[in-house]
C-alpha atoms as a PDB file:
ATOM      1  CA  MET A   1      -0.069  -0.069   0.096  1.00  0.00           C
ATOM      2  CA  LYS A   2       2.003   3.562  -0.793  1.00  0.00           C
ATOM      3  CA  THR A   3       0.306   6.051  -1.444  1.00  0.00           C
ATOM      4  CA  ARG A   4       2.446   9.587  -2.202  1.00  0.00           C
ATOM      5  CA  THR A   5       1.773  12.878  -0.868  1.00  0.00           C
ATOM      6  CA  LYS A   6       1.860  15.782   0.134  1.00  0.00           C
ATOM      7  CA  SER A   7       4.884  17.697   2.622  1.00  0.00           C
ATOM      8  CA  HIS A   8       3.162  17.915   6.006  1.00  0.00           C
ATOM      9  CA  PRO A   9       1.016  21.099   6.366  1.00  0.00           C
ATOM     10  CA  LYS A  10       3.429  22.155   9.027  1.00  0.00           C
ATOM     11  CA  ARG A  11       6.672  20.827   8.018  1.00  0.00           C
ATOM     12  CA  SER A  12       8.273  24.612   8.071  1.00  0.00           C
ATOM     13  CA  GLY A  13       8.110  24.658  11.751  1.00  0.00           C
ATOM     14  CA  PHE A  14       9.470  21.955  13.802  1.00  0.00           C
ATOM     15  CA  HIS A  15       8.453  18.717  13.138  1.00  0.00           C
ATOM     16  CA  GLY A  16      10.301  15.313  12.358  1.00  0.00           C
ATOM     17  CA  VAL A  17      12.712  13.867  14.529  1.00  0.00           C
ATOM     18  CA  LEU A  18      13.653  15.510  17.216  1.00  0.00           C
ATOM     19  CA  ALA A  19      16.551  14.029  19.476  1.00  0.00           C
ATOM     20  CA  ALA A  20      16.155  14.260  23.234  1.00  0.00           C
ATOM     21  CA  LEU A  21      20.129  15.084  23.673  1.00  0.00           C
ATOM     22  CA  VAL A  22      21.710  13.198  25.988  1.00  0.00           C
ATOM     23  CA  THR A  23      24.507  14.932  28.073  1.00  0.00           C
ATOM     24  CA  PRO A  24      28.003  12.680  27.673  1.00  0.00           C
ATOM     25  CA  MET A  25      29.595  12.294  30.559  1.00  0.00           C
ATOM     26  CA  LYS A  26      33.522  11.406  31.978  1.00  0.00           C
ATOM     27  CA  ALA A  27      34.151   8.704  34.530  1.00  0.00           C
ATOM     28  CA  ASN A  28      34.090  11.267  37.525  1.00  0.00           C
ATOM     29  CA  GLU A  29      30.941  12.758  35.734  1.00  0.00           C
ATOM     30  CA  GLU A  30      32.321  15.949  34.691  1.00  0.00           C
ATOM     31  CA  ILE A  31      30.090  16.848  31.026  1.00  0.00           C
ATOM     32  CA  ASP A  32      32.690  16.022  27.588  1.00  0.00           C
ATOM     33  CA  TYR A  33      31.657  19.203  26.188  1.00  0.00           C
ATOM     34  CA  ASP A  34      33.449  17.691  23.279  1.00  0.00           C
ATOM     35  CA  ARG A  35      31.947  14.611  23.226  1.00  0.00           C
ATOM     36  CA  LEU A  36      28.501  16.985  23.633  1.00  0.00           C
ATOM     37  CA  GLY A  37      29.646  19.125  20.256  1.00  0.00           C
ATOM     38  CA  ARG A  38      30.703  16.091  17.673  1.00  0.00           C
ATOM     39  CA  PHE A  39      27.714  13.692  19.319  1.00  0.00           C
ATOM     40  CA  THR A  40      25.747  16.185  18.361  1.00  0.00           C
ATOM     41  CA  GLU A  41      26.913  15.911  14.854  1.00  0.00           C
ATOM     42  CA  ASN A  42      26.543  12.661  14.284  1.00  0.00           C
ATOM     43  CA  LEU A  43      22.793  13.026  15.028  1.00  0.00           C
ATOM     44  CA  LEU A  44      22.767  15.282  12.622  1.00  0.00           C
ATOM     45  CA  LYS A  45      24.643  13.398  10.230  1.00  0.00           C
ATOM     46  CA  ALA A  46      21.693  10.672  10.557  1.00  0.00           C
ATOM     47  CA  GLY A  47      19.479  13.057   9.639  1.00  0.00           C
ATOM     48  CA  VAL A  48      17.076  14.312  12.432  1.00  0.00           C
ATOM     49  CA  HIS A  49      15.315  17.035  12.456  1.00  0.00           C
ATOM     50  CA  GLY A  50      16.395  18.657  15.374  1.00  0.00           C
ATOM     51  CA  VAL A  51      17.123  18.126  19.289  1.00  0.00           C
ATOM     52  CA  ILE A  52      16.864  19.302  22.422  1.00  0.00           C
ATOM     53  CA  PRO A  53      19.310  19.795  25.036  1.00  0.00           C
ATOM     54  CA  LEU A  54      18.365  19.415  28.175  1.00  0.00           C
ATOM     55  CA  GLY A  55      15.256  17.244  28.657  1.00  0.00           C
ATOM     56  CA  SER A  56      15.033  14.872  30.710  1.00  0.00           C
ATOM     57  CA  THR A  57      17.329  12.006  28.789  1.00  0.00           C
ATOM     58  CA  GLY A  58      19.668  14.970  28.926  1.00  0.00           C
ATOM     59  CA  GLU A  59      19.747  14.873  33.230  1.00  0.00           C
ATOM     60  CA  TYR A  60      18.964  18.534  33.573  1.00  0.00           C
ATOM     61  CA  TYR A  61      18.142  18.462  37.090  1.00  0.00           C
ATOM     62  CA  ALA A  62      21.655  17.202  37.370  1.00  0.00           C
ATOM     63  CA  LEU A  63      22.646  20.071  35.908  1.00  0.00           C
ATOM     64  CA  ASP A  64      24.039  23.547  37.969  1.00  0.00           C
ATOM     65  CA  PRO A  65      23.292  26.232  35.578  1.00  0.00           C
ATOM     66  CA  LEU A  66      26.632  27.032  34.498  1.00  0.00           C
ATOM     67  CA  GLU A  67      26.834  23.700  33.146  1.00  0.00           C
ATOM     68  CA  ARG A  68      23.230  23.836  31.359  1.00  0.00           C
ATOM     69  CA  GLU A  69      24.198  27.061  29.747  1.00  0.00           C
ATOM     70  CA  ARG A  70      27.708  25.497  28.539  1.00  0.00           C
ATOM     71  CA  VAL A  71      25.324  22.703  27.459  1.00  0.00           C
ATOM     72  CA  LEU A  72      23.582  24.654  25.105  1.00  0.00           C
ATOM     73  CA  ARG A  73      25.905  27.057  23.671  1.00  0.00           C
ATOM     74  CA  ALA A  74      27.849  23.567  22.849  1.00  0.00           C
ATOM     75  CA  THR A  75      24.507  22.726  21.335  1.00  0.00           C
ATOM     76  CA  VAL A  76      23.874  25.532  19.329  1.00  0.00           C
ATOM     77  CA  GLU A  77      27.728  25.980  17.860  1.00  0.00           C
ATOM     78  CA  ALA A  78      27.763  22.024  17.370  1.00  0.00           C
ATOM     79  CA  ALA A  79      24.014  22.932  14.882  1.00  0.00           C
ATOM     80  CA  ALA A  80      25.558  25.773  13.411  1.00  0.00           C
ATOM     81  CA  GLY A  81      21.484  26.967  11.826  1.00  0.00           C
ATOM     82  CA  ARG A  82      21.036  23.133  10.647  1.00  0.00           C
ATOM     83  CA  VAL A  83      18.189  22.000  12.725  1.00  0.00           C
ATOM     84  CA  PRO A  84      16.662  24.228  15.122  1.00  0.00           C
ATOM     85  CA  VAL A  85      17.930  23.604  18.600  1.00  0.00           C
ATOM     86  CA  ILE A  86      15.272  23.513  21.418  1.00  0.00           C
ATOM     87  CA  ALA A  87      16.087  23.761  24.610  1.00  0.00           C
ATOM     88  CA  GLY A  88      14.850  22.691  27.319  1.00  0.00           C
ATOM     89  CA  ALA A  89      13.917  25.934  30.366  1.00  0.00           C
ATOM     90  CA  ASN A  90      12.373  23.963  32.716  1.00  0.00           C
ATOM     91  CA  ALA A  91      12.654  24.468  36.715  1.00  0.00           C
ATOM     92  CA  GLY A  92      10.790  24.725  40.231  1.00  0.00           C
ATOM     93  CA  ALA A  93      10.224  28.509  40.114  1.00  0.00           C
ATOM     94  CA  THR A  94       8.579  30.666  37.406  1.00  0.00           C
ATOM     95  CA  ARG A  95      10.866  33.146  37.707  1.00  0.00           C
ATOM     96  CA  GLU A  96      13.623  30.670  36.751  1.00  0.00           C
ATOM     97  CA  VAL A  97      11.968  29.169  34.031  1.00  0.00           C
ATOM     98  CA  ILE A  98      12.204  32.931  32.426  1.00  0.00           C
ATOM     99  CA  ALA A  99      15.686  32.849  33.106  1.00  0.00           C
ATOM    100  CA  PHE A 100      16.855  30.444  31.317  1.00  0.00           C
ATOM    101  CA  SER A 101      14.135  30.638  29.067  1.00  0.00           C
ATOM    102  CA  ARG A 102      15.420  34.782  28.627  1.00  0.00           C
ATOM    103  CA  GLN A 103      19.193  32.909  28.390  1.00  0.00           C
ATOM    104  CA  ALA A 104      18.345  30.075  25.923  1.00  0.00           C
ATOM    105  CA  GLU A 105      16.862  32.479  23.413  1.00  0.00           C
ATOM    106  CA  ALA A 106      19.983  35.070  23.375  1.00  0.00           C
ATOM    107  CA  LEU A 107      21.869  32.497  22.633  1.00  0.00           C
ATOM    108  CA  GLY A 108      20.702  31.555  19.811  1.00  0.00           C
ATOM    109  CA  CYS A 109      18.136  28.549  20.249  1.00  0.00           C
ATOM    110  CA  ALA A 110      14.691  28.542  17.941  1.00  0.00           C
ATOM    111  CA  GLY A 111      12.463  26.898  21.009  1.00  0.00           C
ATOM    112  CA  VAL A 112      12.135  26.178  24.438  1.00  0.00           C
ATOM    113  CA  MET A 113      10.427  22.887  26.297  1.00  0.00           C
ATOM    114  CA  LEU A 114       7.660  23.436  29.557  1.00  0.00           C
ATOM    115  CA  ALA A 115       6.975  21.238  31.155  1.00  0.00           C
ATOM    116  CA  PRO A 116       5.008  21.678  34.340  1.00  0.00           C
ATOM    117  CA  PRO A 117       7.274  23.247  37.549  1.00  0.00           C
ATOM    118  CA  TYR A 118       7.971  20.029  39.100  1.00  0.00           C
ATOM    119  CA  TYR A 119       7.577  19.350  43.407  1.00  0.00           C
ATOM    120  CA  SER A 120       5.344  22.748  43.718  1.00  0.00           C
ATOM    121  CA  LEU A 121       1.600  20.830  41.928  1.00  0.00           C
ATOM    122  CA  PRO A 122       0.701  24.024  39.961  1.00  0.00           C
ATOM    123  CA  ARG A 123      -3.293  24.280  40.143  1.00  0.00           C
ATOM    124  CA  PRO A 124      -4.479  25.030  36.874  1.00  0.00           C
ATOM    125  CA  GLU A 125      -4.782  28.342  37.578  1.00  0.00           C
ATOM    126  CA  GLU A 126      -1.791  28.617  39.028  1.00  0.00           C
ATOM    127  CA  LEU A 127       0.283  26.680  35.646  1.00  0.00           C
ATOM    128  CA  LEU A 128      -1.680  28.751  33.444  1.00  0.00           C
ATOM    129  CA  ALA A 129      -0.742  32.023  35.228  1.00  0.00           C
ATOM    130  CA  HIS A 130       3.054  30.364  35.227  1.00  0.00           C
ATOM    131  CA  PHE A 131       2.789  29.734  31.393  1.00  0.00           C
ATOM    132  CA  ARG A 132       1.756  32.894  30.119  1.00  0.00           C
ATOM    133  CA  ALA A 133       4.323  34.667  32.000  1.00  0.00           C
ATOM    134  CA  VAL A 134       7.042  33.081  30.312  1.00  0.00           C
ATOM    135  CA  ASN A 135       4.930  33.756  26.953  1.00  0.00           C
ATOM    136  CA  HIS A 136       5.426  37.362  28.037  1.00  0.00           C
ATOM    137  CA  ALA A 137       8.751  37.442  28.230  1.00  0.00           C
ATOM    138  CA  ILE A 138      10.584  35.643  25.621  1.00  0.00           C
ATOM    139  CA  GLY A 139      10.096  35.645  21.423  1.00  0.00           C
ATOM    140  CA  ILE A 140      10.985  31.929  20.548  1.00  0.00           C
ATOM    141  CA  PRO A 141       8.210  29.309  20.756  1.00  0.00           C
ATOM    142  CA  ILE A 142       6.773  26.959  23.453  1.00  0.00           C
ATOM    143  CA  LEU A 143       7.109  22.768  23.162  1.00  0.00           C
ATOM    144  CA  LEU A 144       4.590  22.253  26.242  1.00  0.00           C
ATOM    145  CA  TYR A 145       6.132  19.430  27.792  1.00  0.00           C
ATOM    146  CA  ASN A 146       2.857  16.577  29.374  1.00  0.00           C
ATOM    147  CA  TYR A 147       4.745  14.110  31.463  1.00  0.00           C
ATOM    148  CA  PRO A 148       2.758  13.965  34.347  1.00  0.00           C
ATOM    149  CA  GLY A 149       4.511  10.557  35.754  1.00  0.00           C
ATOM    150  CA  ARG A 150       7.971  12.912  35.821  1.00  0.00           C
ATOM    151  CA  THR A 151       6.408  15.337  37.154  1.00  0.00           C
ATOM    152  CA  GLY A 152       2.957  14.661  38.996  1.00  0.00           C
ATOM    153  CA  VAL A 153       0.798  17.828  36.854  1.00  0.00           C
ATOM    154  CA  ASP A 154      -1.765  16.703  33.853  1.00  0.00           C
ATOM    155  CA  MET A 155      -2.461  19.072  31.165  1.00  0.00           C
ATOM    156  CA  THR A 156      -5.083  17.792  29.878  1.00  0.00           C
ATOM    157  CA  PRO A 157      -6.140  18.519  26.794  1.00  0.00           C
ATOM    158  CA  GLU A 158      -8.484  20.451  27.607  1.00  0.00           C
ATOM    159  CA  PHE A 159      -6.333  22.717  29.456  1.00  0.00           C
ATOM    160  CA  ILE A 160      -3.645  22.685  26.444  1.00  0.00           C
ATOM    161  CA  GLU A 161      -6.735  23.306  24.782  1.00  0.00           C
ATOM    162  CA  ARG A 162      -6.749  26.806  26.808  1.00  0.00           C
ATOM    163  CA  LEU A 163      -2.771  27.577  26.789  1.00  0.00           C
ATOM    164  CA  ALA A 164      -3.030  27.343  23.043  1.00  0.00           C
ATOM    165  CA  ALA A 165      -4.340  31.293  22.988  1.00  0.00           C
ATOM    166  CA  LEU A 166      -0.710  32.540  24.059  1.00  0.00           C
ATOM    167  CA  LYS A 167       1.430  33.585  21.383  1.00  0.00           C
ATOM    168  CA  ASN A 168       4.520  31.800  21.643  1.00  0.00           C
ATOM    169  CA  VAL A 169       2.874  27.939  22.846  1.00  0.00           C
ATOM    170  CA  ARG A 170       3.088  26.049  19.374  1.00  0.00           C
ATOM    171  CA  TYR A 171       4.275  22.650  19.502  1.00  0.00           C
ATOM    172  CA  VAL A 172       2.580  20.271  22.917  1.00  0.00           C
ATOM    173  CA  LYS A 173       4.854  16.777  23.216  1.00  0.00           C
ATOM    174  CA  GLU A 174       2.503  14.538  24.535  1.00  0.00           C
ATOM    175  CA  SER A 175       4.318  11.866  26.739  1.00  0.00           C
ATOM    176  CA  THR A 176       1.275  10.160  28.988  1.00  0.00           C
ATOM    177  CA  GLY A 177       1.461   6.944  26.460  1.00  0.00           C
ATOM    178  CA  GLU A 178      -2.098   6.859  25.503  1.00  0.00           C
ATOM    179  CA  MET A 179      -2.864   6.823  22.365  1.00  0.00           C
ATOM    180  CA  PRO A 180      -6.952   9.136  22.763  1.00  0.00           C
ATOM    181  CA  ARG A 181      -4.682  12.294  23.681  1.00  0.00           C
ATOM    182  CA  ILE A 182      -2.941  12.791  20.630  1.00  0.00           C
ATOM    183  CA  THR A 183      -6.429  12.408  18.535  1.00  0.00           C
ATOM    184  CA  GLU A 184      -7.733  14.943  20.962  1.00  0.00           C
ATOM    185  CA  LEU A 185      -4.685  16.961  20.987  1.00  0.00           C
ATOM    186  CA  LEU A 186      -5.071  16.890  16.807  1.00  0.00           C
ATOM    187  CA  ARG A 187      -9.397  17.118  17.282  1.00  0.00           C
ATOM    188  CA  ARG A 188      -9.092  20.359  19.166  1.00  0.00           C
ATOM    189  CA  CYS A 189      -6.114  22.247  18.678  1.00  0.00           C
ATOM    190  CA  GLY A 190      -4.378  20.908  15.775  1.00  0.00           C
ATOM    191  CA  ASP A 191      -4.494  23.860  13.691  1.00  0.00           C
ATOM    192  CA  ARG A 192      -2.799  26.470  16.298  1.00  0.00           C
ATOM    193  CA  LEU A 193      -0.381  23.619  17.652  1.00  0.00           C
ATOM    194  CA  GLY A 194       2.586  20.864  15.890  1.00  0.00           C
ATOM    195  CA  VAL A 195       1.313  17.608  18.032  1.00  0.00           C
ATOM    196  CA  PHE A 196       4.178  15.841  18.445  1.00  0.00           C
ATOM    197  CA  CYS A 197       4.674  11.746  20.146  1.00  0.00           C
ATOM    198  CA  GLY A 198       6.710  11.400  23.268  1.00  0.00           C
ATOM    199  CA  CYS A 199       5.879   7.888  23.744  1.00  0.00           C
ATOM    200  CA  ASP A 200       7.972   5.527  21.456  1.00  0.00           C
ATOM    201  CA  THR A 201       5.565   2.462  22.063  1.00  0.00           C
ATOM    202  CA  ILE A 202       2.522   5.005  20.196  1.00  0.00           C
ATOM    203  CA  ALA A 203       4.770   6.532  17.375  1.00  0.00           C
ATOM    204  CA  LEU A 204       3.448   5.273  14.691  1.00  0.00           C
ATOM    205  CA  GLU A 205      -0.184   5.871  15.514  1.00  0.00           C
ATOM    206  CA  SER A 206       1.071  10.027  15.427  1.00  0.00           C
ATOM    207  CA  LEU A 207       2.961  10.041  12.764  1.00  0.00           C
ATOM    208  CA  MET A 208      -0.619   8.107  11.200  1.00  0.00           C
ATOM    209  CA  VAL A 209      -2.768  10.332  12.735  1.00  0.00           C
ATOM    210  CA  GLY A 210      -0.927  13.803  12.545  1.00  0.00           C
ATOM    211  CA  ALA A 211       0.960  14.763  14.823  1.00  0.00           C
ATOM    212  CA  VAL A 212       4.336  16.418  12.908  1.00  0.00           C
ATOM    213  CA  GLY A 213       6.627  14.154  14.680  1.00  0.00           C
ATOM    214  CA  TRP A 214       8.589  12.339  17.690  1.00  0.00           C
ATOM    215  CA  VAL A 215      10.404  13.668  19.849  1.00  0.00           C
ATOM    216  CA  GLY A 216      12.564  10.281  22.528  1.00  0.00           C
ATOM    217  CA  GLY A 217      15.740   9.719  24.077  1.00  0.00           C
ATOM    218  CA  VAL A 218      15.991   6.452  21.687  1.00  0.00           C
ATOM    219  CA  VAL A 219      16.811   8.964  18.618  1.00  0.00           C
ATOM    220  CA  ASN A 220      19.841   8.506  20.293  1.00  0.00           C
ATOM    221  CA  VAL A 221      21.042   5.041  19.789  1.00  0.00           C
ATOM    222  CA  LEU A 222      19.424   4.786  16.726  1.00  0.00           C
ATOM    223  CA  PRO A 223      18.610   7.940  14.818  1.00  0.00           C
ATOM    224  CA  ARG A 224      18.595   6.835  11.418  1.00  0.00           C
ATOM    225  CA  SER A 225      15.752   4.465  12.120  1.00  0.00           C
ATOM    226  CA  HIS A 226      14.029   7.075  13.652  1.00  0.00           C
ATOM    227  CA  VAL A 227      14.603   8.997  10.550  1.00  0.00           C
ATOM    228  CA  ARG A 228      13.775   6.387   8.271  1.00  0.00           C
ATOM    229  CA  LEU A 229       9.903   5.502   9.855  1.00  0.00           C
ATOM    230  CA  PHE A 230       9.532   9.386   9.275  1.00  0.00           C
ATOM    231  CA  GLU A 231       9.753   9.642   6.406  1.00  0.00           C
ATOM    232  CA  LEU A 232       7.828   6.423   5.188  1.00  0.00           C
ATOM    233  CA  ALA A 233       5.305   7.071   7.119  1.00  0.00           C
ATOM    234  CA  VAL A 234       4.481  10.896   7.296  1.00  0.00           C
ATOM    235  CA  VAL A 235       6.531  12.020   3.844  1.00  0.00           C
ATOM    236  CA  LYS A 236       5.561   8.621   1.620  1.00  0.00           C
ATOM    237  CA  ARG A 237       2.538   7.168   3.324  1.00  0.00           C
ATOM    238  CA  ASP A 238       4.294   3.777   2.558  1.00  0.00           C
ATOM    239  CA  LEU A 239       2.496   2.356   6.290  1.00  0.00           C
ATOM    240  CA  VAL A 240       3.170  -1.018   4.964  1.00  0.00           C
ATOM    241  CA  ALA A 241       7.168  -0.299   4.672  1.00  0.00           C
ATOM    242  CA  ALA A 242       6.404   1.781   7.653  1.00  0.00           C
ATOM    243  CA  ARG A 243       4.829  -1.045  10.091  1.00  0.00           C
ATOM    244  CA  SER A 244       7.549  -3.485   9.266  1.00  0.00           C
ATOM    245  CA  LEU A 245      10.966  -1.229  10.915  1.00  0.00           C
ATOM    246  CA  PHE A 246       8.435  -0.318  13.825  1.00  0.00           C
ATOM    247  CA  PHE A 247       7.575  -3.980  14.665  1.00  0.00           C
ATOM    248  CA  ARG A 248      11.683  -4.817  14.267  1.00  0.00           C
ATOM    249  CA  MET A 249      12.391  -1.713  16.544  1.00  0.00           C
ATOM    250  CA  LEU A 250       9.403  -1.726  19.792  1.00  0.00           C
ATOM    251  CA  PRO A 251      11.375  -4.355  21.321  1.00  0.00           C
ATOM    252  CA  LEU A 252      13.993  -1.840  22.033  1.00  0.00           C
ATOM    253  CA  LEU A 253      11.518   1.075  22.367  1.00  0.00           C
ATOM    254  CA  GLU A 254       9.414  -1.501  25.298  1.00  0.00           C
ATOM    255  CA  LEU A 255      12.025  -1.714  26.590  1.00  0.00           C
ATOM    256  CA  PHE A 256      13.337   1.516  26.687  1.00  0.00           C
ATOM    257  CA  GLU A 257       9.734   2.249  28.670  1.00  0.00           C
ATOM    258  CA  GLY A 258       9.226   0.200  30.490  1.00  0.00           C
ATOM    259  CA  GLY A 259      12.380  -0.442  31.814  1.00  0.00           C
ATOM    260  CA  GLY A 260      12.472   2.114  34.873  1.00  0.00           C
ATOM    261  CA  LYS A 261      16.008   3.414  33.337  1.00  0.00           C
ATOM    262  CA  TYR A 262      15.557   5.047  30.610  1.00  0.00           C
ATOM    263  CA  THR A 263      18.099   7.808  30.789  1.00  0.00           C
ATOM    264  CA  GLN A 264      20.231   4.369  32.361  1.00  0.00           C
ATOM    265  CA  PHE A 265      19.617   3.278  28.794  1.00  0.00           C
ATOM    266  CA  VAL A 266      20.074   4.996  26.401  1.00  0.00           C
ATOM    267  CA  LYS A 267      23.659   6.213  27.823  1.00  0.00           C
ATOM    268  CA  ALA A 268      24.519   1.873  27.300  1.00  0.00           C
ATOM    269  CA  GLY A 269      22.666   1.620  24.156  1.00  0.00           C
ATOM    270  CA  CYS A 270      25.133   4.548  22.686  1.00  0.00           C
ATOM    271  CA  LYS A 271      28.324   3.085  24.111  1.00  0.00           C
ATOM    272  CA  LEU A 272      26.567  -0.566  21.687  1.00  0.00           C
ATOM    273  CA  MET A 273      26.858   1.728  18.861  1.00  0.00           C
ATOM    274  CA  GLY A 274      30.039   2.944  19.080  1.00  0.00           C
ATOM    275  CA  HIS A 275      29.415   6.355  21.165  1.00  0.00           C
ATOM    276  CA  ASP A 276      30.291   6.557  24.320  1.00  0.00           C
ATOM    277  CA  VAL A 277      28.782   9.637  26.547  1.00  0.00           C
ATOM    278  CA  GLY A 278      29.296   7.890  29.334  1.00  0.00           C
ATOM    279  CA  PRO A 279      27.884   7.431  32.888  1.00  0.00           C
ATOM    280  CA  PRO A 280      24.358   9.251  33.738  1.00  0.00           C
ATOM    281  CA  ARG A 281      24.996  11.549  36.552  1.00  0.00           C
ATOM    282  CA  ARG A 282      24.287  10.084  39.881  1.00  0.00           C
ATOM    283  CA  PRO A 283      21.726   8.900  41.973  1.00  0.00           C
ATOM    284  CA  LEU A 284      21.346   7.340  38.541  1.00  0.00           C
ATOM    285  CA  LEU A 285      23.562   4.403  37.714  1.00  0.00           C
ATOM    286  CA  GLY A 286      24.483   1.846  34.341  1.00  0.00           C
ATOM    287  CA  ILE A 287      22.360  -0.376  33.227  1.00  0.00           C
ATOM    288  CA  THR A 288      23.372  -4.046  35.061  1.00  0.00           C
ATOM    289  CA  GLY A 289      24.923  -6.980  33.276  1.00  0.00           C
ATOM    290  CA  ALA A 290      21.950  -8.980  33.368  1.00  0.00           C
ATOM    291  CA  GLU A 291      19.588  -5.799  31.941  1.00  0.00           C
ATOM    292  CA  GLY A 292      23.049  -5.483  29.119  1.00  0.00           C
ATOM    293  CA  ALA A 293      22.090  -8.424  27.973  1.00  0.00           C
ATOM    294  CA  ARG A 294      18.617  -7.504  27.074  1.00  0.00           C
ATOM    295  CA  LEU A 295      19.543  -4.675  25.629  1.00  0.00           C
ATOM    296  CA  ARG A 296      21.614  -5.690  23.052  1.00  0.00           C
ATOM    297  CA  ALA A 297      19.150  -8.748  22.829  1.00  0.00           C
ATOM    298  CA  ALA A 298      16.904  -5.738  21.641  1.00  0.00           C
ATOM    299  CA  LEU A 299      18.825  -3.754  19.761  1.00  0.00           C
ATOM    300  CA  ARG A 300      19.815  -7.193  17.387  1.00  0.00           C
ATOM    301  CA  VAL A 301      16.063  -7.218  15.985  1.00  0.00           C
ATOM    302  CA  SER A 302      15.558  -3.649  15.776  1.00  0.00           C
ATOM    303  CA  ARG A 303      18.379  -3.590  13.628  1.00  0.00           C
ATOM    304  CA  ALA A 304      17.619  -6.955  12.018  1.00  0.00           C
ATOM    305  CA  GLY A 305      17.236  -6.808   8.066  1.00  0.00           C
ATOM    306  CA  GLY A 306      19.157  -2.495   8.631  1.00  0.00           C
END
């Protein structure tokens, strides 16, 4: 079943495969900025459409403000304008989020990715005021990030529809893993917001119904496969080939999503693929030997047939 369609309707903005970029570490857990630049270049050569430093896969919560700035500088320099750099600018207080967002804009980032502030559990009206304040403080697009499993706050499609009235709120990464959330977001505000799938295991379904792209940490491990899946599903609309590729990738995606050690598996997977990005920063630890064996087996399946 092969049919060709016109280019995706939102291809002029953020779209496609966005890598939730890892932060390479040395053995002593200090950031390896040189390796970060080289690794970013590797992702761009594989065809990713954008990179997102300082997300949860990038361990932003474990970095101090100076490290966060240096990570952004290194990433923007490596990307050199070839793809958008969308900075994770999350923090626990509105004033900090504004400061990190302004910094990202000043450093040349094309946008910021923002989840609800963590730990404080803001109520809807408080959260609306928070995003309104950030929106008014910057002039670059905001990619909302809904991941209640991490933040403790669920931004429902109804609430996100309210946020879509803000000028800079242009995209949303939906990471609950619930496919009806994707379709409801598309129904409510797909004409105003670009909807990104943030859960690897429903990526194909999301792309087929109209998501503009896929934000993932496993992109660091298998960037070419992710890009190929997007091209098959969205550009060529070749469902048969897209489904075949997705089913090969699925055991790996399920391991990462269900293993409780997403960042740890990402870093271990990068090393197995020839790109050693070092250990996670504590409190996270590397994966066990048994987990490594499961990872190698899933990688073999994912890479079978090309």
